[in-house]
Amino acid sequence: MLQRVAPERDLALSPAALAQLMNYDFPGNIRELRNIIERASLLADGQLIEPEHRH
């Protein structure tokens, strides 16, 4: 999904961000996950997405 959201960047999820996503209930669907990843990729300055980039 990171490749689809930001193909020009070599993004990765930090272990903490991955854990946060894995514990999230996702009341929506895969679109909600994509929106979260897309927003976090825009907020991340470097190549690593951290939990604080979700908001």
N, C-alpha and C. Protein backbone atom coordinates (compact mmCIF):
# COMPACT_ATOMS: atom_id res chain seq x y z
N MET A 1 0.83 -1.19 0.00
CA MET A 1 0.00 0.00 0.00
C MET A 1 0.87 1.25 0.00
N LEU A 2 2.01 1.20 0.69
CA LEU A 2 2.91 2.36 0.70
C LEU A 2 3.41 2.67 -0.71
N GLN A 3 3.67 1.65 -1.49
CA GLN A 3 4.12 1.84 -2.87
C GLN A 3 3.03 2.50 -3.72
N ARG A 4 1.79 2.16 -3.49
CA ARG A 4 0.68 2.75 -4.26
C ARG A 4 0.41 4.18 -3.85
N VAL A 5 0.54 4.46 -2.57
CA VAL A 5 0.24 5.80 -2.06
C VAL A 5 1.33 6.79 -2.43
N ALA A 6 2.58 6.37 -2.34
CA ALA A 6 3.71 7.27 -2.63
C ALA A 6 4.78 6.49 -3.40
N PRO A 7 4.54 6.21 -4.67
CA PRO A 7 5.48 5.38 -5.43
C PRO A 7 6.87 5.99 -5.61
N GLU A 8 6.97 7.31 -5.50
CA GLU A 8 8.26 7.97 -5.70
C GLU A 8 9.11 7.98 -4.43
N ARG A 9 8.54 7.53 -3.32
CA ARG A 9 9.26 7.53 -2.04
C ARG A 9 9.46 6.11 -1.55
N ASP A 10 10.50 5.90 -0.78
CA ASP A 10 10.80 4.59 -0.20
C ASP A 10 10.36 4.63 1.26
N LEU A 11 9.04 4.58 1.47
CA LEU A 11 8.48 4.70 2.82
C LEU A 11 8.43 3.36 3.53
N ALA A 12 8.49 3.44 4.85
CA ALA A 12 8.33 2.26 5.70
C ALA A 12 7.58 2.67 6.95
N LEU A 13 6.93 1.72 7.56
CA LEU A 13 6.24 1.95 8.83
C LEU A 13 7.18 1.58 9.97
N SER A 14 7.24 2.43 10.98
CA SER A 14 8.02 2.08 12.16
C SER A 14 7.31 0.93 12.87
N PRO A 15 8.01 0.17 13.70
CA PRO A 15 7.34 -0.90 14.45
C PRO A 15 6.17 -0.38 15.29
N ALA A 16 6.33 0.80 15.87
CA ALA A 16 5.25 1.38 16.68
C ALA A 16 4.04 1.74 15.83
N ALA A 17 4.27 2.31 14.64
CA ALA A 17 3.16 2.67 13.75
C ALA A 17 2.46 1.41 13.25
N LEU A 18 3.22 0.38 12.92
CA LEU A 18 2.63 -0.88 12.47
C LEU A 18 1.79 -1.50 13.58
N ALA A 19 2.30 -1.49 14.80
CA ALA A 19 1.55 -2.03 15.94
C ALA A 19 0.25 -1.26 16.14
N GLN A 20 0.31 0.06 16.00
CA GLN A 20 -0.88 0.88 16.16
C GLN A 20 -1.93 0.54 15.11
N LEU A 21 -1.50 0.36 13.87
CA LEU A 21 -2.43 0.00 12.81
C LEU A 21 -3.01 -1.39 13.02
N MET A 22 -2.19 -2.32 13.50
CA MET A 22 -2.67 -3.68 13.72
C MET A 22 -3.69 -3.75 14.86
N ASN A 23 -3.60 -2.82 15.80
CA ASN A 23 -4.54 -2.81 16.93
C ASN A 23 -5.78 -1.98 16.67
N TYR A 24 -5.83 -1.27 15.56
CA TYR A 24 -6.97 -0.43 15.22
C TYR A 24 -8.09 -1.30 14.66
N ASP A 25 -9.33 -1.01 15.03
CA ASP A 25 -10.48 -1.84 14.66
C ASP A 25 -10.92 -1.66 13.21
N PHE A 26 -10.62 -0.57 12.57
CA PHE A 26 -11.04 -0.26 11.21
C PHE A 26 -12.54 -0.46 11.00
N PRO A 27 -13.34 0.42 11.60
CA PRO A 27 -14.79 0.32 11.43
C PRO A 27 -15.22 0.57 9.98
N GLY A 28 -14.36 1.19 9.22
CA GLY A 28 -14.66 1.42 7.80
C GLY A 28 -14.27 0.20 6.99
N ASN A 29 -13.37 0.38 6.08
CA ASN A 29 -12.90 -0.72 5.26
C ASN A 29 -11.48 -0.43 4.80
N ILE A 30 -11.04 -1.06 3.74
CA ILE A 30 -9.68 -0.87 3.25
C ILE A 30 -9.45 0.58 2.82
N ARG A 31 -10.50 1.27 2.44
CA ARG A 31 -10.35 2.69 2.08
C ARG A 31 -9.91 3.52 3.26
N GLU A 32 -10.39 3.15 4.44
CA GLU A 32 -9.99 3.86 5.64
C GLU A 32 -8.50 3.65 5.91
N LEU A 33 -8.02 2.43 5.73
CA LEU A 33 -6.60 2.15 5.88
C LEU A 33 -5.80 2.95 4.87
N ARG A 34 -6.24 2.97 3.65
CA ARG A 34 -5.53 3.74 2.61
C ARG A 34 -5.49 5.22 2.96
N ASN A 35 -6.59 5.77 3.45
CA ASN A 35 -6.62 7.19 3.83
C ASN A 35 -5.64 7.48 4.97
N ILE A 36 -5.56 6.57 5.94
CA ILE A 36 -4.64 6.74 7.05
C ILE A 36 -3.20 6.73 6.55
N ILE A 37 -2.88 5.76 5.70
CA ILE A 37 -1.53 5.64 5.15
C ILE A 37 -1.19 6.85 4.28
N GLU A 38 -2.15 7.28 3.47
CA GLU A 38 -1.92 8.43 2.61
C GLU A 38 -1.65 9.69 3.43
N ARG A 39 -2.46 9.93 4.43
CA ARG A 39 -2.28 11.11 5.29
C ARG A 39 -0.93 11.04 6.01
N ALA A 40 -0.59 9.87 6.55
CA ALA A 40 0.68 9.72 7.25
C ALA A 40 1.86 9.93 6.31
N SER A 41 1.74 9.49 5.07
CA SER A 41 2.84 9.67 4.12
C SER A 41 3.05 11.15 3.81
N LEU A 42 1.98 11.92 3.82
CA LEU A 42 2.10 13.36 3.58
C LEU A 42 2.72 14.09 4.77
N LEU A 43 2.47 13.58 5.97
CA LEU A 43 2.97 14.23 7.17
C LEU A 43 4.41 13.82 7.50
N ALA A 44 4.85 12.68 7.00
CA ALA A 44 6.20 12.19 7.29
C ALA A 44 7.23 12.96 6.47
N ASP A 45 8.23 13.49 7.15
CA ASP A 45 9.28 14.23 6.47
C ASP A 45 10.31 13.30 5.83
N GLY A 46 10.59 12.22 6.50
CA GLY A 46 11.60 11.29 6.01
C GLY A 46 10.95 10.06 5.37
N GLN A 47 11.64 8.94 5.51
CA GLN A 47 11.16 7.70 4.91
C GLN A 47 10.44 6.80 5.89
N LEU A 48 10.41 7.19 7.16
CA LEU A 48 9.80 6.36 8.18
C LEU A 48 8.52 7.00 8.71
N ILE A 49 7.44 6.26 8.64
CA ILE A 49 6.16 6.74 9.17
C ILE A 49 6.07 6.31 10.63
N GLU A 50 5.87 7.28 11.49
CA GLU A 50 5.75 7.06 12.94
C GLU A 50 4.29 7.23 13.36
N PRO A 51 3.92 6.76 14.56
CA PRO A 51 2.54 6.90 15.02
C PRO A 51 2.02 8.34 15.00
N GLU A 52 2.87 9.31 15.27
CA GLU A 52 2.42 10.70 15.31
C GLU A 52 2.05 11.23 13.92
N HIS A 53 2.45 10.55 12.87
CA HIS A 53 2.09 10.97 11.52
C HIS A 53 0.67 10.58 11.13
N ARG A 54 0.03 9.84 11.95
CA ARG A 54 -1.35 9.39 11.67
C ARG A 54 -2.36 10.52 11.85
N HIS A 55 -2.04 11.48 12.67
CA HIS A 55 -3.03 12.52 13.01
C HIS A 55 -2.77 13.79 12.25
